[in-house]
Amino acid sequence: MANNMKADASDKLSDEELVERLKIGDESSASAIFRRYRSRVYRIARSFFDEEKSLDVVQEVFVHLLSGIKGFRAGAKFSTWLHRITINCCYDFLRRKRSRKEESVEEEILESKRDDCETPDRVVERRELETAFKSALNALSPKLRIVFTLRFFEQLSYTEMAKVLKCSLGTVMSRLFYARQRLLDALADYI
């Protein structure tokens, strides 16, 4: 009961307060940060990998976070720093597996809620579109895929994406334009 009350109290703190507490070794702050950000980290990883590898990335991200927390600059935005760690971990995994073909994104990432009234034809059409979209997304270069993921799955602003990716706003906009264009071209038969 006492642990739950401590966790509830930690969950109400700001990111900055959690980071400061984490720097002095407060374990409940680490748990609160994990609960707050694990789904975001997982969604980014899922845009690159299957479920199992994505879970490995999540674990690696939080290990990096905990080992590097003392180097986090006060005044910087924590979520931007964490997104950067996540992207770096994804790129590291890609580099390690460069000899293997990139793994496809599985059904869960874009699985729409199925309406009980859907006709069998509509179910087939939806599944074909989902499969085509996943293939098109996987065919994008990692730089284009991460920009698309951060914008549409994580809903980051252009400015936030530029900070996370450590590039100019123009570069973010250009990459997003090319990602959209390639996806539209690949899905022309479906939309």
C-alpha atoms as a PDB file:
ATOM      1  CA  MET A   1       0.000   0.000   0.000  1.00  0.00           C
ATOM      2  CA  ALA A   2       2.820   2.429   0.872  1.00  0.00           C
ATOM      3  CA  ASN A   3       4.558   1.700  -2.459  1.00  0.00           C
ATOM      4  CA  ASN A   4       1.349   2.469  -4.380  1.00  0.00           C
ATOM      5  CA  MET A   5       0.972   5.783  -2.545  1.00  0.00           C
ATOM      6  CA  LYS A   6       4.609   6.643  -3.342  1.00  0.00           C
ATOM      7  CA  ALA A   7       4.056   5.716  -7.009  1.00  0.00           C
ATOM      8  CA  ASP A   8       0.894   7.829  -7.159  1.00  0.00           C
ATOM      9  CA  ALA A   9       2.786  10.805  -5.713  1.00  0.00           C
ATOM     10  CA  SER A  10       5.632  10.365  -8.225  1.00  0.00           C
ATOM     11  CA  ASP A  11       3.187  10.184 -11.128  1.00  0.00           C
ATOM     12  CA  LYS A  12       1.944  13.690 -10.292  1.00  0.00           C
ATOM     13  CA  LEU A  13       5.406  15.286 -10.506  1.00  0.00           C
ATOM     14  CA  SER A  14       6.618  17.143 -13.598  1.00  0.00           C
ATOM     15  CA  ASP A  15       9.308  15.635 -15.799  1.00  0.00           C
ATOM     16  CA  GLU A  16      11.817  18.120 -14.402  1.00  0.00           C
ATOM     17  CA  GLU A  17      11.016  17.147 -10.820  1.00  0.00           C
ATOM     18  CA  LEU A  18      11.256  13.461 -11.654  1.00  0.00           C
ATOM     19  CA  VAL A  19      14.629  13.943 -13.347  1.00  0.00           C
ATOM     20  CA  GLU A  20      16.021  15.830 -10.347  1.00  0.00           C
ATOM     21  CA  ARG A  21      14.789  13.106  -7.993  1.00  0.00           C
ATOM     22  CA  LEU A  22      16.130  10.409 -10.305  1.00  0.00           C
ATOM     23  CA  LYS A  23      19.567  12.061 -10.297  1.00  0.00           C
ATOM     24  CA  ILE A  24      19.758  11.523  -6.535  1.00  0.00           C
ATOM     25  CA  GLY A  25      18.701   7.883  -6.838  1.00  0.00           C
ATOM     26  CA  ASP A  26      14.934   7.954  -6.212  1.00  0.00           C
ATOM     27  CA  GLU A  27      13.688   4.666  -7.685  1.00  0.00           C
ATOM     28  CA  SER A  28      10.027   5.683  -7.647  1.00  0.00           C
ATOM     29  CA  SER A  29      10.945   8.500 -10.059  1.00  0.00           C
ATOM     30  CA  ALA A  30      12.457   5.976 -12.468  1.00  0.00           C
ATOM     31  CA  SER A  31       9.256   3.944 -12.316  1.00  0.00           C
ATOM     32  CA  ALA A  32       7.129   7.045 -12.897  1.00  0.00           C
ATOM     33  CA  ILE A  33       9.190   8.057 -15.940  1.00  0.00           C
ATOM     34  CA  PHE A  34       8.936   4.513 -17.290  1.00  0.00           C
ATOM     35  CA  ARG A  35       5.147   4.455 -16.860  1.00  0.00           C
ATOM     36  CA  ARG A  36       4.820   7.888 -18.442  1.00  0.00           C
ATOM     37  CA  TYR A  37       6.990   7.263 -21.512  1.00  0.00           C
ATOM     38  CA  ARG A  38       7.130   3.529 -22.234  1.00  0.00           C
ATOM     39  CA  SER A  39       4.271   3.586 -24.743  1.00  0.00           C
ATOM     40  CA  ARG A  40       5.832   6.480 -26.692  1.00  0.00           C
ATOM     41  CA  VAL A  41       9.182   4.721 -26.844  1.00  0.00           C
ATOM     42  CA  TYR A  42       7.475   1.499 -27.881  1.00  0.00           C
ATOM     43  CA  ARG A  43       5.485   3.191 -30.690  1.00  0.00           C
ATOM     44  CA  ILE A  44       8.647   4.689 -32.147  1.00  0.00           C
ATOM     45  CA  ALA A  45      10.436   1.350 -31.957  1.00  0.00           C
ATOM     46  CA  ARG A  46       7.446  -0.412 -33.572  1.00  0.00           C
ATOM     47  CA  SER A  47       7.794   1.793 -36.631  1.00  0.00           C
ATOM     48  CA  PHE A  48      11.124   0.012 -37.178  1.00  0.00           C
ATOM     49  CA  PHE A  49      10.818  -3.446 -35.656  1.00  0.00           C
ATOM     50  CA  ASP A  50       8.542  -6.321 -34.717  1.00  0.00           C
ATOM     51  CA  GLU A  51       7.058  -6.590 -31.237  1.00  0.00           C
ATOM     52  CA  GLU A  52       9.894  -8.561 -29.676  1.00  0.00           C
ATOM     53  CA  LYS A  53      12.674  -6.324 -30.978  1.00  0.00           C
ATOM     54  CA  SER A  54      10.644  -3.234 -30.033  1.00  0.00           C
ATOM     55  CA  LEU A  55      10.449  -4.454 -26.452  1.00  0.00           C
ATOM     56  CA  ASP A  56      14.232  -4.907 -26.518  1.00  0.00           C
ATOM     57  CA  VAL A  57      14.600  -1.318 -27.737  1.00  0.00           C
ATOM     58  CA  VAL A  58      12.337  -0.068 -24.929  1.00  0.00           C
ATOM     59  CA  GLN A  59      14.505  -1.855 -22.397  1.00  0.00           C
ATOM     60  CA  GLU A  60      17.711  -0.494 -23.932  1.00  0.00           C
ATOM     61  CA  VAL A  61      16.318   3.059 -24.039  1.00  0.00           C
ATOM     62  CA  PHE A  62      15.504   3.046 -20.354  1.00  0.00           C
ATOM     63  CA  VAL A  63      18.876   1.524 -19.483  1.00  0.00           C
ATOM     64  CA  HIS A  64      20.536   4.365 -21.452  1.00  0.00           C
ATOM     65  CA  LEU A  65      18.267   6.880 -19.755  1.00  0.00           C
ATOM     66  CA  LEU A  66      19.141   5.671 -16.271  1.00  0.00           C
ATOM     67  CA  SER A  67      22.869   5.452 -16.986  1.00  0.00           C
ATOM     68  CA  GLY A  68      22.968   8.889 -18.610  1.00  0.00           C
ATOM     69  CA  ILE A  69      20.524  10.826 -16.424  1.00  0.00           C
ATOM     70  CA  LYS A  70      23.275  12.711 -14.598  1.00  0.00           C
ATOM     71  CA  GLY A  71      24.327  14.178 -17.949  1.00  0.00           C
ATOM     72  CA  PHE A  72      20.863  15.535 -18.693  1.00  0.00           C
ATOM     73  CA  ARG A  73      21.046  19.332 -18.902  1.00  0.00           C
ATOM     74  CA  ALA A  74      18.724  21.298 -16.659  1.00  0.00           C
ATOM     75  CA  GLY A  75      16.461  23.463 -18.772  1.00  0.00           C
ATOM     76  CA  ALA A  76      16.366  21.033 -21.685  1.00  0.00           C
ATOM     77  CA  LYS A  77      13.087  19.351 -22.514  1.00  0.00           C
ATOM     78  CA  PHE A  78      13.138  15.806 -21.140  1.00  0.00           C
ATOM     79  CA  SER A  79      10.808  14.322 -23.772  1.00  0.00           C
ATOM     80  CA  THR A  80      13.050  15.632 -26.581  1.00  0.00           C
ATOM     81  CA  TRP A  81      16.082  14.042 -24.938  1.00  0.00           C
ATOM     82  CA  LEU A  82      14.223  10.744 -24.497  1.00  0.00           C
ATOM     83  CA  HIS A  83      13.023  10.741 -28.121  1.00  0.00           C
ATOM     84  CA  ARG A  84      16.642  11.274 -29.206  1.00  0.00           C
ATOM     85  CA  ILE A  85      17.804   8.313 -27.105  1.00  0.00           C
ATOM     86  CA  THR A  86      15.016   6.196 -28.618  1.00  0.00           C
ATOM     87  CA  ILE A  87      15.936   7.082 -32.177  1.00  0.00           C
ATOM     88  CA  ASN A  88      19.613   6.427 -31.497  1.00  0.00           C
ATOM     89  CA  CYS A  89      18.768   3.010 -30.032  1.00  0.00           C
ATOM     90  CA  CYS A  90      16.644   2.194 -33.090  1.00  0.00           C
ATOM     91  CA  TYR A  91      19.492   3.195 -35.407  1.00  0.00           C
ATOM     92  CA  ASP A  92      21.914   1.125 -33.321  1.00  0.00           C
ATOM     93  CA  PHE A  93      19.658  -1.921 -33.679  1.00  0.00           C
ATOM     94  CA  LEU A  94      19.413  -1.316 -37.431  1.00  0.00           C
ATOM     95  CA  ARG A  95      23.183  -1.074 -37.745  1.00  0.00           C
ATOM     96  CA  ARG A  96      23.628  -4.307 -35.786  1.00  0.00           C
ATOM     97  CA  LYS A  97      21.174  -6.091 -38.051  1.00  0.00           C
ATOM     98  CA  ARG A  98      22.240  -4.448 -41.327  1.00  0.00           C
ATOM     99  CA  SER A  99      23.053  -7.818 -42.899  1.00  0.00           C
ATOM    100  CA  ARG A 100      19.500  -8.994 -42.209  1.00  0.00           C
ATOM    101  CA  LYS A 101      16.503  -7.621 -44.020  1.00  0.00           C
ATOM    102  CA  GLU A 102      14.551  -5.074 -41.960  1.00  0.00           C
ATOM    103  CA  GLU A 103      11.739  -6.678 -40.075  1.00  0.00           C
ATOM    104  CA  SER A 104       8.238  -5.705 -41.067  1.00  0.00           C
ATOM    105  CA  VAL A 105       5.837  -3.928 -38.784  1.00  0.00           C
ATOM    106  CA  GLU A 106       3.204  -6.384 -37.594  1.00  0.00           C
ATOM    107  CA  GLU A 107      -0.557  -6.063 -37.554  1.00  0.00           C
ATOM    108  CA  GLU A 108      -0.909  -4.244 -34.220  1.00  0.00           C
ATOM    109  CA  ILE A 109       0.613  -0.950 -35.346  1.00  0.00           C
ATOM    110  CA  LEU A 110      -2.181   0.020 -37.699  1.00  0.00           C
ATOM    111  CA  GLU A 111      -4.916  -2.409 -36.732  1.00  0.00           C
ATOM    112  CA  SER A 112      -8.148  -0.502 -36.905  1.00  0.00           C
ATOM    113  CA  LYS A 113     -11.014  -1.290 -34.640  1.00  0.00           C
ATOM    114  CA  ARG A 114     -13.201  -3.683 -36.508  1.00  0.00           C
ATOM    115  CA  ASP A 115     -16.796  -2.686 -36.834  1.00  0.00           C
ATOM    116  CA  ASP A 116     -19.167  -5.609 -36.373  1.00  0.00           C
ATOM    117  CA  CYS A 117     -21.223  -4.320 -39.288  1.00  0.00           C
ATOM    118  CA  GLU A 118     -18.314  -4.436 -41.742  1.00  0.00           C
ATOM    119  CA  THR A 119     -18.992  -6.470 -44.827  1.00  0.00           C
ATOM    120  CA  PRO A 120     -16.545  -9.235 -45.716  1.00  0.00           C
ATOM    121  CA  ASP A 121     -15.470  -7.241 -48.778  1.00  0.00           C
ATOM    122  CA  ARG A 122     -14.756  -4.190 -46.641  1.00  0.00           C
ATOM    123  CA  VAL A 123     -12.740  -6.285 -44.170  1.00  0.00           C
ATOM    124  CA  VAL A 124     -10.616  -7.619 -47.031  1.00  0.00           C
ATOM    125  CA  GLU A 125     -10.132  -4.112 -48.480  1.00  0.00           C
ATOM    126  CA  ARG A 126      -9.121  -2.712 -45.093  1.00  0.00           C
ATOM    127  CA  ARG A 127      -6.630  -5.511 -44.491  1.00  0.00           C
ATOM    128  CA  GLU A 128      -5.141  -5.063 -47.960  1.00  0.00           C
ATOM    129  CA  LEU A 129      -4.727  -1.345 -47.320  1.00  0.00           C
ATOM    130  CA  GLU A 130      -3.133  -1.987 -43.905  1.00  0.00           C
ATOM    131  CA  THR A 131      -0.710  -4.479 -45.439  1.00  0.00           C
ATOM    132  CA  ALA A 132       0.127  -2.113 -48.297  1.00  0.00           C
ATOM    133  CA  PHE A 133       0.642   0.776 -45.864  1.00  0.00           C
ATOM    134  CA  LYS A 134       2.948  -1.282 -43.637  1.00  0.00           C
ATOM    135  CA  SER A 135       4.963  -2.389 -46.656  1.00  0.00           C
ATOM    136  CA  ALA A 136       5.199   1.177 -47.930  1.00  0.00           C
ATOM    137  CA  LEU A 137       6.232   2.444 -44.484  1.00  0.00           C
ATOM    138  CA  ASN A 138       8.890  -0.270 -44.205  1.00  0.00           C
ATOM    139  CA  ALA A 139      10.191   0.642 -47.665  1.00  0.00           C
ATOM    140  CA  LEU A 140      10.973   4.200 -46.534  1.00  0.00           C
ATOM    141  CA  SER A 141      14.520   4.966 -45.525  1.00  0.00           C
ATOM    142  CA  PRO A 142      15.024   5.139 -41.742  1.00  0.00           C
ATOM    143  CA  LYS A 143      15.302   8.952 -41.889  1.00  0.00           C
ATOM    144  CA  LEU A 144      11.985   9.316 -43.700  1.00  0.00           C
ATOM    145  CA  ARG A 145      10.282   6.667 -41.574  1.00  0.00           C
ATOM    146  CA  ILE A 146      11.274   8.274 -38.282  1.00  0.00           C
ATOM    147  CA  VAL A 147      10.037  11.711 -39.366  1.00  0.00           C
ATOM    148  CA  PHE A 148       6.707  10.205 -40.438  1.00  0.00           C
ATOM    149  CA  THR A 149       6.453   8.253 -37.179  1.00  0.00           C
ATOM    150  CA  LEU A 150       7.249  11.229 -34.973  1.00  0.00           C
ATOM    151  CA  ARG A 151       4.718  13.413 -36.776  1.00  0.00           C
ATOM    152  CA  PHE A 152       1.767  11.056 -37.233  1.00  0.00           C
ATOM    153  CA  PHE A 153       2.110   8.492 -34.475  1.00  0.00           C
ATOM    154  CA  GLU A 154       3.774  10.644 -31.808  1.00  0.00           C
ATOM    155  CA  GLN A 155       2.168  13.898 -32.995  1.00  0.00           C
ATOM    156  CA  LEU A 156       5.258  16.009 -32.412  1.00  0.00           C
ATOM    157  CA  SER A 157       5.405  19.501 -33.844  1.00  0.00           C
ATOM    158  CA  TYR A 158       7.913  20.331 -36.574  1.00  0.00           C
ATOM    159  CA  THR A 159      10.008  22.237 -34.038  1.00  0.00           C
ATOM    160  CA  GLU A 160      10.009  19.307 -31.606  1.00  0.00           C
ATOM    161  CA  MET A 161      11.002  16.935 -34.412  1.00  0.00           C
ATOM    162  CA  ALA A 162      13.889  19.219 -35.402  1.00  0.00           C
ATOM    163  CA  LYS A 163      15.153  19.187 -31.798  1.00  0.00           C
ATOM    164  CA  VAL A 164      14.798  15.418 -31.472  1.00  0.00           C
ATOM    165  CA  LEU A 165      16.474  14.723 -34.810  1.00  0.00           C
ATOM    166  CA  LYS A 166      19.084  17.474 -34.356  1.00  0.00           C
ATOM    167  CA  CYS A 167      18.441  18.947 -37.781  1.00  0.00           C
ATOM    168  CA  SER A 168      16.928  22.088 -39.220  1.00  0.00           C
ATOM    169  CA  LEU A 169      13.220  22.744 -39.505  1.00  0.00           C
ATOM    170  CA  GLY A 170      13.626  22.768 -43.282  1.00  0.00           C
ATOM    171  CA  THR A 171      15.174  19.303 -43.209  1.00  0.00           C
ATOM    172  CA  VAL A 172      12.264  17.991 -41.134  1.00  0.00           C
ATOM    173  CA  MET A 173       9.755  19.511 -43.534  1.00  0.00           C
ATOM    174  CA  SER A 174      11.592  18.165 -46.565  1.00  0.00           C
ATOM    175  CA  ARG A 175      11.859  14.639 -45.147  1.00  0.00           C
ATOM    176  CA  LEU A 176       8.204  14.648 -44.167  1.00  0.00           C
ATOM    177  CA  PHE A 177       7.229  15.827 -47.648  1.00  0.00           C
ATOM    178  CA  TYR A 178       9.216  13.010 -49.287  1.00  0.00           C
ATOM    179  CA  ALA A 179       7.881  10.424 -46.830  1.00  0.00           C
ATOM    180  CA  ARG A 180       4.280  11.448 -47.581  1.00  0.00           C
ATOM    181  CA  GLN A 181       4.931  11.531 -51.317  1.00  0.00           C
ATOM    182  CA  ARG A 182       6.464   8.050 -51.345  1.00  0.00           C
ATOM    183  CA  LEU A 183       3.631   6.663 -49.244  1.00  0.00           C
ATOM    184  CA  LEU A 184       1.022   8.251 -51.522  1.00  0.00           C
ATOM    185  CA  ASP A 185       2.771   6.874 -54.607  1.00  0.00           C
ATOM    186  CA  ALA A 186       2.984   3.401 -53.066  1.00  0.00           C
ATOM    187  CA  LEU A 187      -0.695   3.474 -52.068  1.00  0.00           C
ATOM    188  CA  ALA A 188      -2.062   5.036 -55.264  1.00  0.00           C
ATOM    189  CA  ASP A 189      -4.001   1.874 -56.124  1.00  0.00           C
ATOM    190  CA  TYR A 190      -5.725   1.878 -52.722  1.00  0.00           C
ATOM    191  CA  ILE A 191      -6.689   5.497 -52.201  1.00  0.00           C
END
